[in-house]
Amino acid sequence: MSAETARRDVRILTWIGIATGVAGGLLVAFPQVLPFGGPWVQLALGIATLVLAFRARKIGIADIEGFDGRLSLFAALLGFLVVFFAGQVVFDMLIRAANP
């Protein structure tokens, strides 16, 4: 992969990762927007953010000389936060479903 193609791919993956992380963060902050299935959507957005961010970092580290991955690292941290908070709610839902 050429360096220019790698830069473009990293840029696209990072910004889509940040967008999914922000969407997941907004759903965590305002859960009443999606009252049914909201935690599952939040969890999916958090996982998507992590996948996109780490894919961007992998491409950047492998194919770009002097890669500065701070923005993709920010996206990954945002994904971890969304997964953490959404995961707590999902875990609580699963525990309540198992113990009626």
N, C-alpha and C. Protein backbone atom coordinates (compact mmCIF):
# COMPACT_ATOMS: atom_id res chain seq x y z
N MET A 1 0.85 -1.17 0.00
CA MET A 1 0.00 0.00 0.00
C MET A 1 0.90 1.24 0.00
N SER A 2 0.54 2.19 -0.83
CA SER A 2 1.34 3.41 -0.89
C SER A 2 1.06 4.27 0.34
N ALA A 3 1.99 5.16 0.60
CA ALA A 3 1.85 6.03 1.78
C ALA A 3 0.63 6.95 1.66
N GLU A 4 0.36 7.43 0.44
CA GLU A 4 -0.79 8.33 0.25
C GLU A 4 -2.11 7.58 0.46
N THR A 5 -2.19 6.36 -0.04
CA THR A 5 -3.39 5.55 0.18
C THR A 5 -3.55 5.23 1.66
N ALA A 6 -2.45 4.93 2.31
CA ALA A 6 -2.50 4.63 3.75
C ALA A 6 -2.95 5.86 4.53
N ARG A 7 -2.46 7.04 4.18
CA ARG A 7 -2.88 8.26 4.86
C ARG A 7 -4.38 8.49 4.71
N ARG A 8 -4.87 8.27 3.49
CA ARG A 8 -6.30 8.46 3.23
C ARG A 8 -7.12 7.47 4.04
N ASP A 9 -6.70 6.20 4.04
CA ASP A 9 -7.42 5.18 4.80
C ASP A 9 -7.42 5.47 6.29
N VAL A 10 -6.28 5.88 6.81
CA VAL A 10 -6.19 6.22 8.23
C VAL A 10 -7.10 7.40 8.56
N ARG A 11 -7.10 8.40 7.72
CA ARG A 11 -7.94 9.58 7.95
C ARG A 11 -9.42 9.19 7.96
N ILE A 12 -9.84 8.40 6.97
CA ILE A 12 -11.24 8.00 6.88
C ILE A 12 -11.65 7.14 8.08
N LEU A 13 -10.84 6.13 8.39
CA LEU A 13 -11.16 5.25 9.51
C LEU A 13 -11.19 6.01 10.83
N THR A 14 -10.26 6.92 11.02
CA THR A 14 -10.20 7.68 12.27
C THR A 14 -11.43 8.56 12.43
N TRP A 15 -11.80 9.30 11.40
CA TRP A 15 -12.94 10.21 11.52
C TRP A 15 -14.26 9.48 11.62
N ILE A 16 -14.40 8.35 10.93
CA ILE A 16 -15.62 7.56 11.12
C ILE A 16 -15.65 6.98 12.53
N GLY A 17 -14.49 6.55 13.04
CA GLY A 17 -14.41 6.07 14.41
C GLY A 17 -14.79 7.13 15.42
N ILE A 18 -14.33 8.34 15.22
CA ILE A 18 -14.69 9.43 16.12
C ILE A 18 -16.19 9.72 16.04
N ALA A 19 -16.74 9.69 14.83
CA ALA A 19 -18.18 9.94 14.66
C ALA A 19 -19.02 8.88 15.37
N THR A 20 -18.64 7.60 15.24
CA THR A 20 -19.39 6.56 15.93
C THR A 20 -19.22 6.66 17.44
N GLY A 21 -18.03 7.06 17.88
CA GLY A 21 -17.79 7.25 19.31
C GLY A 21 -18.62 8.40 19.88
N VAL A 22 -18.71 9.48 19.15
CA VAL A 22 -19.52 10.62 19.60
C VAL A 22 -21.00 10.23 19.62
N ALA A 23 -21.46 9.50 18.60
CA ALA A 23 -22.85 9.05 18.59
C ALA A 23 -23.13 8.13 19.78
N GLY A 24 -22.22 7.22 20.06
CA GLY A 24 -22.38 6.34 21.22
C GLY A 24 -22.34 7.11 22.52
N GLY A 25 -21.45 8.10 22.60
CA GLY A 25 -21.36 8.93 23.80
C GLY A 25 -22.62 9.74 24.04
N LEU A 26 -23.20 10.24 22.96
CA LEU A 26 -24.46 10.99 23.10
C LEU A 26 -25.60 10.09 23.56
N LEU A 27 -25.60 8.85 23.05
CA LEU A 27 -26.63 7.91 23.50
C LEU A 27 -26.41 7.50 24.96
N VAL A 28 -25.17 7.45 25.40
CA VAL A 28 -24.90 7.16 26.82
C VAL A 28 -25.36 8.33 27.67
N ALA A 29 -25.12 9.55 27.21
CA ALA A 29 -25.50 10.74 27.96
C ALA A 29 -27.02 10.97 27.97
N PHE A 30 -27.68 10.61 26.86
CA PHE A 30 -29.12 10.81 26.73
C PHE A 30 -29.79 9.49 26.37
N PRO A 31 -29.92 8.57 27.32
CA PRO A 31 -30.46 7.24 27.01
C PRO A 31 -31.94 7.24 26.65
N GLN A 32 -32.66 8.30 26.97
CA GLN A 32 -34.08 8.35 26.67
C GLN A 32 -34.35 8.50 25.17
N VAL A 33 -33.33 8.80 24.38
CA VAL A 33 -33.50 8.93 22.93
C VAL A 33 -33.88 7.57 22.32
N LEU A 34 -33.25 6.51 22.78
CA LEU A 34 -33.56 5.14 22.35
C LEU A 34 -33.94 4.33 23.58
N PRO A 35 -35.18 4.42 24.01
CA PRO A 35 -35.54 3.71 25.24
C PRO A 35 -35.50 2.20 25.11
N PHE A 36 -35.83 1.65 23.95
CA PHE A 36 -35.83 0.20 23.76
C PHE A 36 -34.63 -0.20 22.91
N GLY A 37 -33.74 -0.99 23.46
CA GLY A 37 -32.57 -1.44 22.72
C GLY A 37 -31.43 -0.45 22.70
N GLY A 38 -31.57 0.64 23.42
CA GLY A 38 -30.53 1.67 23.44
C GLY A 38 -29.17 1.20 23.91
N PRO A 39 -29.10 0.45 25.01
CA PRO A 39 -27.79 -0.02 25.48
C PRO A 39 -27.09 -0.92 24.47
N TRP A 40 -27.86 -1.72 23.75
CA TRP A 40 -27.26 -2.60 22.75
C TRP A 40 -26.70 -1.79 21.58
N VAL A 41 -27.41 -0.74 21.20
CA VAL A 41 -26.92 0.14 20.13
C VAL A 41 -25.66 0.87 20.61
N GLN A 42 -25.66 1.32 21.85
CA GLN A 42 -24.49 1.99 22.42
C GLN A 42 -23.30 1.05 22.43
N LEU A 43 -23.52 -0.18 22.83
CA LEU A 43 -22.45 -1.17 22.87
C LEU A 43 -21.91 -1.44 21.47
N ALA A 44 -22.80 -1.56 20.50
CA ALA A 44 -22.38 -1.78 19.11
C ALA A 44 -21.58 -0.60 18.58
N LEU A 45 -22.00 0.62 18.90
CA LEU A 45 -21.26 1.80 18.46
C LEU A 45 -19.89 1.87 19.12
N GLY A 46 -19.82 1.51 20.39
CA GLY A 46 -18.52 1.50 21.07
C GLY A 46 -17.57 0.48 20.48
N ILE A 47 -18.08 -0.71 20.18
CA ILE A 47 -17.23 -1.73 19.57
C ILE A 47 -16.80 -1.31 18.17
N ALA A 48 -17.72 -0.72 17.41
CA ALA A 48 -17.37 -0.24 16.07
C ALA A 48 -16.29 0.84 16.16
N THR A 49 -16.39 1.71 17.15
CA THR A 49 -15.37 2.74 17.35
C THR A 49 -14.01 2.12 17.62
N LEU A 50 -13.99 1.13 18.49
CA LEU A 50 -12.72 0.46 18.81
C LEU A 50 -12.13 -0.23 17.58
N VAL A 51 -12.95 -0.92 16.82
CA VAL A 51 -12.46 -1.62 15.63
C VAL A 51 -11.89 -0.62 14.62
N LEU A 52 -12.62 0.46 14.37
CA LEU A 52 -12.16 1.46 13.40
C LEU A 52 -10.87 2.15 13.87
N ALA A 53 -10.83 2.50 15.14
CA ALA A 53 -9.64 3.20 15.66
C ALA A 53 -8.40 2.31 15.62
N PHE A 54 -8.55 1.07 16.04
CA PHE A 54 -7.38 0.19 16.05
C PHE A 54 -6.97 -0.22 14.64
N ARG A 55 -7.92 -0.31 13.73
CA ARG A 55 -7.58 -0.59 12.33
C ARG A 55 -6.79 0.60 11.75
N ALA A 56 -7.22 1.81 12.06
CA ALA A 56 -6.50 3.00 11.60
C ALA A 56 -5.09 3.03 12.16
N ARG A 57 -4.95 2.69 13.44
CA ARG A 57 -3.61 2.67 14.05
C ARG A 57 -2.73 1.61 13.42
N LYS A 58 -3.29 0.45 13.12
CA LYS A 58 -2.51 -0.63 12.52
C LYS A 58 -1.99 -0.21 11.15
N ILE A 59 -2.87 0.37 10.33
CA ILE A 59 -2.45 0.82 9.00
C ILE A 59 -1.41 1.92 9.13
N GLY A 60 -1.66 2.87 10.03
CA GLY A 60 -0.74 3.99 10.20
C GLY A 60 0.64 3.57 10.65
N ILE A 61 0.70 2.67 11.62
CA ILE A 61 1.99 2.23 12.13
C ILE A 61 2.75 1.43 11.08
N ALA A 62 2.02 0.62 10.32
CA ALA A 62 2.67 -0.26 9.34
C ALA A 62 3.10 0.47 8.07
N ASP A 63 2.32 1.45 7.61
CA ASP A 63 2.54 1.99 6.27
C ASP A 63 2.91 3.46 6.19
N ILE A 64 2.90 4.18 7.30
CA ILE A 64 3.20 5.61 7.26
C ILE A 64 4.45 5.89 8.08
N GLU A 65 5.43 6.46 7.44
CA GLU A 65 6.68 6.83 8.11
C GLU A 65 6.41 7.97 9.08
N GLY A 66 6.80 7.81 10.34
CA GLY A 66 6.61 8.86 11.35
C GLY A 66 5.15 9.09 11.69
N PHE A 67 4.38 8.02 11.76
CA PHE A 67 2.94 8.10 12.03
C PHE A 67 2.67 8.71 13.39
N ASP A 68 1.81 9.71 13.44
CA ASP A 68 1.37 10.34 14.68
C ASP A 68 -0.07 9.92 14.92
N GLY A 69 -0.28 8.98 15.80
CA GLY A 69 -1.59 8.38 15.98
C GLY A 69 -2.40 8.93 17.12
N ARG A 70 -2.21 10.20 17.46
CA ARG A 70 -2.94 10.74 18.60
C ARG A 70 -4.44 10.80 18.37
N LEU A 71 -4.85 11.13 17.15
CA LEU A 71 -6.27 11.24 16.86
C LEU A 71 -6.94 9.87 16.89
N SER A 72 -6.29 8.85 16.34
CA SER A 72 -6.87 7.51 16.40
C SER A 72 -6.83 6.97 17.83
N LEU A 73 -5.85 7.37 18.60
CA LEU A 73 -5.81 6.99 20.01
C LEU A 73 -6.97 7.62 20.77
N PHE A 74 -7.28 8.87 20.45
CA PHE A 74 -8.44 9.53 21.04
C PHE A 74 -9.72 8.78 20.70
N ALA A 75 -9.85 8.35 19.44
CA ALA A 75 -11.03 7.58 19.04
C ALA A 75 -11.10 6.27 19.82
N ALA A 76 -9.97 5.61 20.01
CA ALA A 76 -9.95 4.35 20.76
C ALA A 76 -10.36 4.58 22.22
N LEU A 77 -9.87 5.63 22.83
CA LEU A 77 -10.25 5.94 24.22
C LEU A 77 -11.74 6.26 24.32
N LEU A 78 -12.25 6.97 23.32
CA LEU A 78 -13.68 7.26 23.28
C LEU A 78 -14.48 5.97 23.16
N GLY A 79 -14.01 5.04 22.34
CA GLY A 79 -14.66 3.74 22.21
C GLY A 79 -14.65 2.96 23.51
N PHE A 80 -13.52 2.98 24.22
CA PHE A 80 -13.44 2.30 25.51
C PHE A 80 -14.44 2.89 26.51
N LEU A 81 -14.58 4.20 26.53
CA LEU A 81 -15.53 4.82 27.44
C LEU A 81 -16.96 4.42 27.12
N VAL A 82 -17.31 4.42 25.84
CA VAL A 82 -18.67 4.05 25.44
C VAL A 82 -18.93 2.59 25.80
N VAL A 83 -17.99 1.71 25.51
CA VAL A 83 -18.16 0.29 25.84
C VAL A 83 -18.27 0.11 27.35
N PHE A 84 -17.49 0.84 28.12
CA PHE A 84 -17.53 0.72 29.57
C PHE A 84 -18.90 1.08 30.12
N PHE A 85 -19.41 2.26 29.76
CA PHE A 85 -20.68 2.71 30.31
C PHE A 85 -21.86 1.92 29.75
N ALA A 86 -21.85 1.63 28.46
CA ALA A 86 -22.93 0.84 27.88
C ALA A 86 -22.87 -0.60 28.38
N GLY A 87 -21.68 -1.12 28.57
CA GLY A 87 -21.52 -2.47 29.07
C GLY A 87 -22.09 -2.65 30.46
N GLN A 88 -21.96 -1.63 31.29
CA GLN A 88 -22.54 -1.70 32.64
C GLN A 88 -24.05 -1.84 32.57
N VAL A 89 -24.67 -1.07 31.70
CA VAL A 89 -26.13 -1.11 31.57
C VAL A 89 -26.58 -2.46 31.00
N VAL A 90 -25.86 -2.93 29.97
CA VAL A 90 -26.20 -4.22 29.37
C VAL A 90 -26.02 -5.34 30.39
N PHE A 91 -24.95 -5.31 31.14
CA PHE A 91 -24.73 -6.32 32.17
C PHE A 91 -25.85 -6.32 33.19
N ASP A 92 -26.26 -5.15 33.61
CA ASP A 92 -27.37 -5.03 34.57
C ASP A 92 -28.66 -5.60 33.97
N MET A 93 -28.90 -5.33 32.67
CA MET A 93 -30.10 -5.87 32.02
C MET A 93 -30.06 -7.39 31.97
N LEU A 94 -28.89 -7.94 31.68
CA LEU A 94 -28.76 -9.40 31.62
C LEU A 94 -28.94 -10.04 32.99
N ILE A 95 -28.43 -9.40 34.02
CA ILE A 95 -28.58 -9.91 35.39
C ILE A 95 -30.06 -9.87 35.80
N ARG A 96 -30.75 -8.78 35.49
CA ARG A 96 -32.17 -8.69 35.82
C ARG A 96 -32.99 -9.71 35.05
N ALA A 97 -32.62 -9.99 33.80
CA ALA A 97 -33.35 -10.98 33.01
C ALA A 97 -33.12 -12.39 33.53
N ALA A 98 -31.95 -12.66 34.05
CA ALA A 98 -31.62 -13.99 34.55
C ALA A 98 -32.24 -14.25 35.93
N ASN A 99 -32.46 -13.19 36.68
CA ASN A 99 -33.03 -13.33 38.04
C ASN A 99 -34.35 -12.58 38.12
N PRO A 100 -35.44 -13.20 37.69
CA PRO A 100 -36.74 -12.48 37.70
C PRO A 100 -37.30 -12.25 39.05
